[in-house]
Amino acid sequence: MMTMMEGSSIPPLLIRNLISSIFIFADKSLLNLSQKSKLLQLIRCVLVNSFLFFLRLLPPLNPSDDDVPYRKGHNKKSSNIHEYEFQRPSSVAVANTGSGGSTGSAIGRALSQLLSLMNDIPVSSSKYQVVRSLAETLIEDNHKEGVEALRQVNRTVLSSAFSRTLGQLEAAAALEQQVSRGVGDGGDLVGPARPAEYRLSRVLRAVRSIGDVAWLGAARASGSRSSAEKLAAEVLWLAEKLAACGYGDEAVVRWASASNLAWLSVSVEPSLQASLVKVSALLFKHAKDMGMDAADDDESKEQQKQRKMQMLMSWLPLLCRASNGTDVPVLSIRERAELERVLEDTIEMLEKEEDQEKVLSLWLHHFTYCSSSDWPNLHASYARWCNASRKLLLHHHDI
């Protein structure tokens, strides 16, 4: 069944990607020409909108419930998505994961199911707290046992749930932003308005995250709407659980790589920004300590520095431009001062002057762009970098 499904869904995706690549290449040339003539601008606008309309006609843009592969509990022979059929993993799968593995053990499958249900059940339901409480109990009991096999269950299942929820959050944020902007509206978040380019890039991002969008559609159709705010709160909860179990690095790696979500975060609703700021604050603290173990080799330390660089380049704009809360502050004065020190230390750890320049230049742009906030204040880091750059130039000049 899975093979047949994949065979029917992959060709349309390949067609969309191929057509999109060709169109983007052709559009670059037309963009340069259209700047010289109003008529060419009109022609280009018609072509872009026609292309977007054509993409919508390509199946499967809105996969049915039967085409969503990761809803493993769904009975594909029935049209009722509330029906459930237990599917015990094959002996081959169990052998591959090991008897103590997260998916090869009953306790791992139970925890994985609970975390998946948390995504589906609305917060307003009393069952949400029941499921969340059960998941917390399993995680804490596994951790208290002090057995490596159970620790690996927590690590693997929580990391998988964090990645899944993060992808769903990105899709939800993109869809809610699309609704708030209105159909056909667009624009660059930090520069001049470019509706055509924004719509085109939005379509391409949707193609890349087709699975997450399909999940949201299925969830909303079944009456279990999962808003971006709910998913952001769950991402924060999962990050806290990973950190409590000693695997905060797993969340840092995935958060640092979520560049599309970071790009969307600077223009989403303040309530959603609040949760994203809390996640960023938590994971920046963990990122600072990555690569500090003396036992790590040089290659590992260099990878950790690159991860810190990713974190700063992706999420520093959000910290500069996010609202500090409406009713209550997102972060207290003490927490904001502590995070500033963490950011300063993290920038210092980059060591390379070019990397520090990129980060501080990005900070200065967004810090000055947003007149409503004077945080984070990295003036001291900027001054230290300027002094170091001046000394380096004088040193080379003397040589």
Protein backbone atom coordinates (compact mmCIF):
# COMPACT_ATOMS: atom_id res chain seq x y z
CA MET A 1 0.00 0.00 0.00
CA MET A 2 2.79 2.44 0.95
CA THR A 3 4.73 1.67 -2.24
CA MET A 4 1.69 2.33 -4.42
CA MET A 5 0.98 5.58 -2.58
CA GLU A 6 4.54 6.83 -2.94
CA GLY A 7 4.58 5.89 -6.62
CA SER A 8 1.47 7.97 -7.28
CA SER A 9 2.56 11.05 -5.29
CA ILE A 10 6.22 11.44 -6.26
CA PRO A 11 5.76 12.18 -10.02
CA PRO A 12 3.52 15.26 -9.48
CA LEU A 13 6.03 16.60 -6.95
CA LEU A 14 8.87 16.10 -9.44
CA ILE A 15 6.83 17.81 -12.14
CA ARG A 16 6.10 20.79 -9.87
CA ASN A 17 9.76 21.12 -8.87
CA LEU A 18 10.96 20.86 -12.48
CA ILE A 19 8.45 23.39 -13.78
CA SER A 20 9.19 25.73 -10.86
CA SER A 21 12.94 25.62 -11.53
CA ILE A 22 12.45 26.39 -15.22
CA PHE A 23 10.04 29.22 -14.47
CA ILE A 24 12.34 30.82 -11.89
CA PHE A 25 15.24 30.76 -14.36
CA ALA A 26 13.10 32.39 -17.05
CA ASP A 27 11.56 34.86 -14.63
CA LYS A 28 14.96 36.30 -13.65
CA SER A 29 15.55 37.47 -17.22
CA LEU A 30 12.01 38.79 -17.55
CA LEU A 31 12.37 40.65 -14.25
CA ASN A 32 15.34 42.63 -15.56
CA LEU A 33 13.49 43.52 -18.75
CA SER A 34 10.23 44.41 -16.98
CA GLN A 35 11.95 47.19 -15.03
CA LYS A 36 12.31 49.11 -18.28
CA SER A 37 8.72 48.92 -19.50
CA LYS A 38 5.27 49.09 -17.92
CA LEU A 39 3.94 46.75 -20.61
CA LEU A 40 6.54 44.11 -19.77
CA GLN A 41 5.68 44.48 -16.08
CA LEU A 42 2.04 43.76 -16.90
CA ILE A 43 2.98 40.75 -19.05
CA ARG A 44 5.22 39.40 -16.31
CA CYS A 45 2.48 39.82 -13.71
CA VAL A 46 0.04 37.87 -15.90
CA LEU A 47 2.58 35.09 -16.46
CA VAL A 48 3.37 34.76 -12.76
CA ASN A 49 -0.28 34.58 -11.75
CA SER A 50 -1.00 32.11 -14.54
CA PHE A 51 1.89 29.97 -13.35
CA LEU A 52 0.58 29.99 -9.78
CA PHE A 53 -2.87 29.01 -11.03
CA PHE A 54 -1.34 26.19 -13.09
CA LEU A 55 0.47 24.82 -10.04
CA ARG A 56 -2.81 24.61 -8.18
CA LEU A 57 -4.21 22.34 -10.89
CA LEU A 58 -1.42 19.78 -10.46
CA PRO A 59 -2.44 16.89 -8.18
CA PRO A 60 -2.03 16.10 -5.40
CA LEU A 61 -2.05 19.64 -3.98
CA ASN A 62 -4.44 18.64 -1.22
CA PRO A 63 -3.78 14.96 -0.52
CA SER A 64 -6.59 12.93 0.88
CA ASP A 65 -6.35 11.38 4.29
CA ASP A 66 -5.27 8.12 2.66
CA ASP A 67 -2.21 9.88 1.20
CA VAL A 68 -0.77 11.11 4.49
CA PRO A 69 1.86 8.48 5.27
CA TYR A 70 2.75 9.52 8.78
CA ARG A 71 -0.71 9.15 10.26
CA LYS A 72 0.12 5.55 11.01
CA GLY A 73 -2.92 4.87 13.11
CA HIS A 74 -5.29 5.75 10.29
CA ASN A 75 -7.25 2.91 8.75
CA LYS A 76 -6.65 3.44 5.03
CA LYS A 77 -9.58 1.22 4.05
CA SER A 78 -12.06 3.55 5.68
CA SER A 79 -12.98 7.14 4.95
CA ASN A 80 -13.56 7.84 8.64
CA ILE A 81 -10.33 9.31 10.03
CA HIS A 82 -11.46 8.64 13.61
CA GLU A 83 -11.23 4.88 13.14
CA TYR A 84 -8.07 3.28 14.52
CA GLU A 85 -6.43 -0.02 13.76
CA PHE A 86 -3.45 -1.18 15.84
CA GLN A 87 -0.55 -2.23 13.65
CA ARG A 88 2.18 -4.11 15.48
CA PRO A 89 5.61 -3.51 13.93
CA SER A 90 7.10 -6.36 11.95
CA SER A 91 9.85 -8.51 13.42
CA VAL A 92 12.27 -6.97 10.91
CA ALA A 93 11.58 -3.47 12.21
CA VAL A 94 11.99 -4.61 15.80
CA ALA A 95 15.24 -6.33 14.97
CA ASN A 96 16.59 -3.23 13.28
CA THR A 97 15.81 -0.94 16.21
CA GLY A 98 16.72 -3.38 18.95
CA SER A 99 14.63 -4.55 21.85
CA GLY A 100 15.33 -1.34 23.76
CA GLY A 101 14.87 1.03 20.86
CA SER A 102 12.24 3.74 20.86
CA THR A 103 10.11 2.29 18.07
CA GLY A 104 11.05 -1.33 18.77
CA SER A 105 9.72 -1.30 22.33
CA ALA A 106 6.21 -1.02 23.67
CA ILE A 107 7.13 1.89 25.96
CA GLY A 108 8.65 3.75 23.02
CA ARG A 109 5.58 3.23 20.85
CA ALA A 110 3.32 4.34 23.70
CA LEU A 111 5.25 7.57 24.23
CA SER A 112 5.36 8.23 20.49
CA GLN A 113 1.59 7.78 20.22
CA LEU A 114 0.92 10.12 23.15
CA LEU A 115 3.09 12.87 21.66
CA SER A 116 1.40 12.45 18.28
CA LEU A 117 -2.04 12.71 19.90
CA MET A 118 -0.98 15.94 21.59
CA ASN A 119 -0.60 17.48 18.13
CA ASP A 120 -4.09 16.38 17.10
CA ILE A 121 -6.19 17.11 20.20
CA PRO A 122 -7.29 20.75 20.68
CA VAL A 123 -6.20 22.44 23.90
CA SER A 124 -9.82 23.19 24.79
CA SER A 125 -10.51 19.47 25.17
CA SER A 126 -10.16 18.00 28.66
CA LYS A 127 -8.50 14.99 27.05
CA TYR A 128 -5.54 17.13 26.02
CA GLN A 129 -4.37 17.51 29.62
CA VAL A 130 -4.92 13.79 30.21
CA VAL A 131 -2.72 12.86 27.25
CA ARG A 132 -0.08 15.44 28.15
CA SER A 133 0.00 14.26 31.77
CA LEU A 134 0.46 10.65 30.65
CA ALA A 135 3.31 11.68 28.36
CA GLU A 136 5.01 13.65 31.15
CA THR A 137 4.72 10.68 33.50
CA LEU A 138 6.28 8.31 30.97
CA ILE A 139 9.14 10.71 30.23
CA GLU A 140 9.90 11.35 33.90
CA ASP A 141 9.69 7.67 34.87
CA ASN A 142 12.01 6.68 32.01
CA HIS A 143 14.50 9.32 33.11
CA LYS A 144 14.34 8.41 36.81
CA GLU A 145 15.18 4.77 36.10
CA GLY A 146 18.67 5.83 35.06
CA VAL A 147 18.88 3.04 32.46
CA GLU A 148 20.56 3.95 29.18
CA ALA A 149 17.97 2.08 27.08
CA LEU A 150 15.14 4.14 28.59
CA ARG A 151 17.14 7.34 28.23
CA GLN A 152 17.54 6.56 24.54
CA VAL A 153 13.78 6.02 24.27
CA ASN A 154 13.23 9.54 25.61
CA ARG A 155 15.92 10.97 23.35
CA THR A 156 14.73 9.34 20.13
CA VAL A 157 10.99 9.82 20.63
CA LEU A 158 11.25 13.40 21.91
CA SER A 159 13.63 14.38 19.10
CA SER A 160 11.29 12.90 16.50
CA ALA A 161 8.29 14.66 18.05
CA PHE A 162 10.20 17.95 18.18
CA SER A 163 11.08 17.71 14.47
CA ARG A 164 7.52 16.78 13.51
CA THR A 165 5.93 19.56 15.56
CA LEU A 166 8.47 22.08 14.29
CA GLY A 167 7.58 21.25 10.69
CA GLN A 168 3.87 21.54 11.45
CA LEU A 169 4.48 24.87 13.20
CA GLU A 170 6.24 26.25 10.13
CA ALA A 171 3.37 25.17 7.88
CA ALA A 172 0.76 26.60 10.28
CA ALA A 173 2.61 29.91 10.57
CA ALA A 174 2.84 30.21 6.79
CA LEU A 175 -0.87 29.44 6.33
CA GLU A 176 -2.01 31.83 9.06
CA GLN A 177 0.20 34.57 7.66
CA GLN A 178 -1.30 33.94 4.23
CA VAL A 179 -4.80 34.32 5.65
CA SER A 180 -3.90 37.50 7.58
CA ARG A 181 -2.34 39.08 4.50
CA GLY A 182 -5.27 38.12 2.31
CA VAL A 183 -5.36 36.21 -0.95
CA GLY A 184 -3.09 37.77 -3.56
CA ASP A 185 -1.36 40.03 -1.09
CA GLY A 186 2.34 39.74 -0.45
CA GLY A 187 5.50 41.61 0.13
CA ASP A 188 8.98 41.37 1.44
CA LEU A 189 9.21 41.39 5.20
CA VAL A 190 12.16 43.72 5.45
CA GLY A 191 12.33 45.45 2.10
CA PRO A 192 10.25 46.82 -0.77
CA ALA A 193 7.02 45.07 -1.57
CA ARG A 194 7.34 42.41 -4.24
CA PRO A 195 4.03 40.54 -4.44
CA ALA A 196 4.96 38.26 -7.34
CA GLU A 197 8.24 37.11 -5.85
CA TYR A 198 6.66 36.59 -2.44
CA ARG A 199 3.82 34.47 -3.86
CA LEU A 200 6.22 32.43 -5.94
CA SER A 201 8.55 31.72 -3.02
CA ARG A 202 5.54 30.87 -0.89
CA VAL A 203 4.43 28.25 -3.41
CA LEU A 204 7.90 26.70 -3.53
CA ARG A 205 8.05 26.53 0.26
CA ALA A 206 4.64 24.89 0.25
CA VAL A 207 5.89 22.24 -2.17
CA ARG A 208 8.82 21.46 0.11
CA SER A 209 6.57 21.14 3.17
CA ILE A 210 3.65 19.40 1.42
CA GLY A 211 3.49 16.72 4.12
CA ASP A 212 3.07 19.25 6.93
CA VAL A 213 0.41 21.19 5.03
CA ALA A 214 -1.44 17.95 4.34
CA TRP A 215 -1.32 17.12 8.05
CA LEU A 216 -2.83 20.50 8.94
CA GLY A 217 -5.58 20.05 6.37
CA ALA A 218 -6.46 16.61 7.70
CA ALA A 219 -6.42 17.82 11.30
CA ARG A 220 -8.66 20.80 10.60
CA ALA A 221 -11.06 18.72 8.52
CA SER A 222 -11.47 16.35 11.45
CA GLY A 223 -12.34 19.22 13.78
CA SER A 224 -9.03 19.24 15.65
CA ARG A 225 -7.67 22.58 14.56
CA SER A 226 -4.05 23.00 15.64
CA SER A 227 -3.16 26.66 15.60
CA ALA A 228 0.36 27.96 15.28
CA GLU A 229 0.20 29.17 18.90
CA LYS A 230 -0.68 25.69 20.16
CA LEU A 231 2.11 24.10 18.14
CA ALA A 232 4.60 26.73 19.34
CA ALA A 233 3.66 25.97 22.95
CA GLU A 234 4.21 22.27 22.27
CA VAL A 235 7.59 22.97 20.67
CA LEU A 236 8.58 24.85 23.84
CA TRP A 237 7.33 21.99 26.01
CA LEU A 238 9.26 19.40 23.98
CA ALA A 239 12.41 21.54 24.10
CA GLU A 240 12.12 21.77 27.88
CA LYS A 241 11.67 17.99 28.15
CA LEU A 242 14.70 17.34 25.92
CA ALA A 243 16.75 19.73 28.05
CA ALA A 244 15.56 18.12 31.29
CA CYS A 245 16.59 14.71 29.96
CA GLY A 246 20.04 16.01 29.06
CA TYR A 247 19.47 16.20 25.31
CA GLY A 248 19.01 19.92 24.76
CA ASP A 249 21.56 19.72 21.93
CA GLU A 250 19.02 17.74 19.88
CA ALA A 251 16.58 20.65 20.04
CA VAL A 252 19.32 23.22 19.32
CA VAL A 253 20.34 21.45 16.11
CA ARG A 254 16.78 21.42 14.78
CA TRP A 255 15.93 24.95 15.94
CA ALA A 256 19.07 26.37 14.35
CA SER A 257 18.12 24.73 11.04
CA ALA A 258 14.57 26.14 11.03
CA SER A 259 15.51 29.15 8.90
CA ASN A 260 12.13 29.35 7.12
CA LEU A 261 10.26 29.52 10.42
CA ALA A 262 12.72 32.15 11.66
CA TRP A 263 12.03 34.19 8.51
CA LEU A 264 8.28 33.97 9.11
CA SER A 265 8.59 34.72 12.82
CA VAL A 266 9.45 38.39 12.45
CA SER A 267 6.00 39.18 11.01
CA VAL A 268 3.63 36.79 12.79
CA GLU A 269 1.18 37.75 15.51
CA PRO A 270 2.70 38.99 18.82
CA SER A 271 1.17 36.09 20.75
CA LEU A 272 2.95 33.60 18.50
CA GLN A 273 6.17 35.60 18.67
CA ALA A 274 6.05 35.32 22.46
CA SER A 275 6.28 31.53 22.35
CA LEU A 276 9.02 31.62 19.70
CA VAL A 277 11.05 34.05 21.80
CA LYS A 278 10.78 31.73 24.80
CA VAL A 279 11.98 28.76 22.74
CA SER A 280 14.86 30.82 21.35
CA ALA A 281 15.87 32.05 24.81
CA LEU A 282 15.92 28.50 26.18
CA LEU A 283 17.92 27.06 23.28
CA PHE A 284 20.39 29.96 23.06
CA LYS A 285 21.43 29.09 26.62
CA HIS A 286 22.02 25.47 25.64
CA ALA A 287 23.79 26.45 22.41
CA LYS A 288 26.31 28.55 24.34
CA ASP A 289 27.60 25.50 26.22
CA MET A 290 27.86 23.29 23.14
CA GLY A 291 31.43 22.35 22.21
CA MET A 292 32.80 23.22 25.66
CA ASP A 293 33.62 19.63 26.58
CA ALA A 294 37.38 19.12 26.65
CA ALA A 295 36.88 15.59 25.32
CA ASP A 296 35.42 16.88 22.03
CA ASP A 297 37.76 16.76 19.05
CA ASP A 298 38.52 19.77 16.86
CA GLU A 299 36.06 18.73 14.16
CA SER A 300 33.23 18.42 16.67
CA LYS A 301 34.04 21.81 18.19
CA GLU A 302 34.03 23.42 14.75
CA GLN A 303 30.61 21.91 14.01
CA GLN A 304 29.28 23.32 17.28
CA LYS A 305 30.58 26.78 16.35
CA GLN A 306 28.78 26.55 13.02
CA ARG A 307 25.62 25.55 14.87
CA LYS A 308 25.92 28.61 17.11
CA MET A 309 26.41 30.73 14.01
CA GLN A 310 23.21 29.27 12.55
CA MET A 311 21.30 30.03 15.73
CA LEU A 312 22.44 33.64 15.78
CA MET A 313 21.84 34.31 12.08
CA SER A 314 18.39 32.68 12.13
CA TRP A 315 16.86 33.87 15.40
CA LEU A 316 18.61 37.12 16.34
CA PRO A 317 16.23 39.14 14.07
CA LEU A 318 13.24 37.79 16.00
CA LEU A 319 14.72 38.87 19.34
CA CYS A 320 15.27 42.38 17.97
CA ARG A 321 11.83 42.80 16.41
CA ALA A 322 9.48 40.71 18.56
CA SER A 323 6.94 42.31 20.83
CA ASN A 324 7.77 42.14 24.54
CA GLY A 325 4.21 41.13 25.29
CA THR A 326 0.91 42.94 25.64
CA ASP A 327 -0.46 42.05 29.08
CA VAL A 328 2.71 40.69 30.69
CA PRO A 329 6.33 40.74 29.47
CA VAL A 330 7.46 37.69 27.50
CA LEU A 331 10.76 37.72 29.41
CA SER A 332 11.40 39.39 32.75
CA ILE A 333 14.08 42.06 33.15
CA ARG A 334 16.38 39.48 34.72
CA GLU A 335 15.77 36.98 31.91
CA ARG A 336 16.41 39.61 29.25
CA ALA A 337 19.68 40.67 30.91
CA GLU A 338 20.75 37.03 31.22
CA LEU A 339 19.99 36.34 27.56
CA GLU A 340 22.00 39.41 26.53
CA ARG A 341 25.02 37.98 28.37
CA VAL A 342 24.45 34.61 26.69
CA LEU A 343 24.35 36.27 23.26
CA GLU A 344 27.52 38.25 23.97
CA ASP A 345 29.37 35.12 25.13
CA THR A 346 28.14 33.15 22.12
CA ILE A 347 29.35 35.83 19.71
CA GLU A 348 32.74 35.88 21.42
CA MET A 349 33.01 32.10 21.00
CA LEU A 350 32.75 32.41 17.22
CA GLU A 351 36.37 33.62 17.26
CA LYS A 352 36.50 34.29 13.51
CA GLU A 353 36.30 38.02 12.85
CA GLU A 354 34.24 37.49 9.69
CA ASP A 355 31.61 35.46 11.55
CA GLN A 356 31.35 38.05 14.30
CA GLU A 357 31.00 40.77 11.68
CA LYS A 358 28.10 38.95 9.98
CA VAL A 359 26.25 38.46 13.26
CA LEU A 360 26.78 41.99 14.57
CA SER A 361 25.92 43.54 11.21
CA LEU A 362 22.67 41.55 11.20
CA TRP A 363 21.94 42.64 14.77
CA LEU A 364 22.62 46.31 14.00
CA HIS A 365 20.29 46.24 10.99
CA HIS A 366 17.32 44.76 12.85
CA PHE A 367 18.05 46.62 16.10
CA THR A 368 17.89 49.98 14.32
CA TYR A 369 15.07 48.92 11.99
CA CYS A 370 12.70 48.29 14.91
CA SER A 371 12.19 51.59 16.73
CA SER A 372 9.82 50.12 19.33
CA SER A 373 12.46 47.96 21.03
CA ASP A 374 15.92 48.60 22.46
CA TRP A 375 16.67 44.95 23.21
CA PRO A 376 18.89 42.97 22.97
CA ASN A 377 21.53 45.60 23.67
CA LEU A 378 24.74 44.25 22.14
CA HIS A 379 26.56 47.59 22.00
CA ALA A 380 29.39 46.23 24.16
CA SER A 381 29.94 43.29 21.81
CA TYR A 382 29.89 45.62 18.82
CA ALA A 383 32.45 47.94 20.45
CA ARG A 384 34.74 45.02 21.31
CA TRP A 385 34.56 43.74 17.75
CA CYS A 386 35.39 47.21 16.36
CA ASN A 387 38.42 47.47 18.67
CA ALA A 388 39.61 43.99 17.71
CA SER A 389 39.19 44.77 14.01
CA ARG A 390 41.10 48.03 14.40
CA LYS A 391 43.97 46.29 16.18
CA LEU A 392 44.07 43.59 13.52
CA LEU A 393 44.30 46.19 10.77
CA LEU A 394 47.10 48.05 12.58
CA HIS A 395 48.93 44.78 13.13
CA HIS A 396 48.84 43.94 9.41
CA HIS A 397 49.85 47.50 8.55
CA ASP A 398 52.90 47.31 10.85
CA ILE A 399 53.95 44.04 9.27
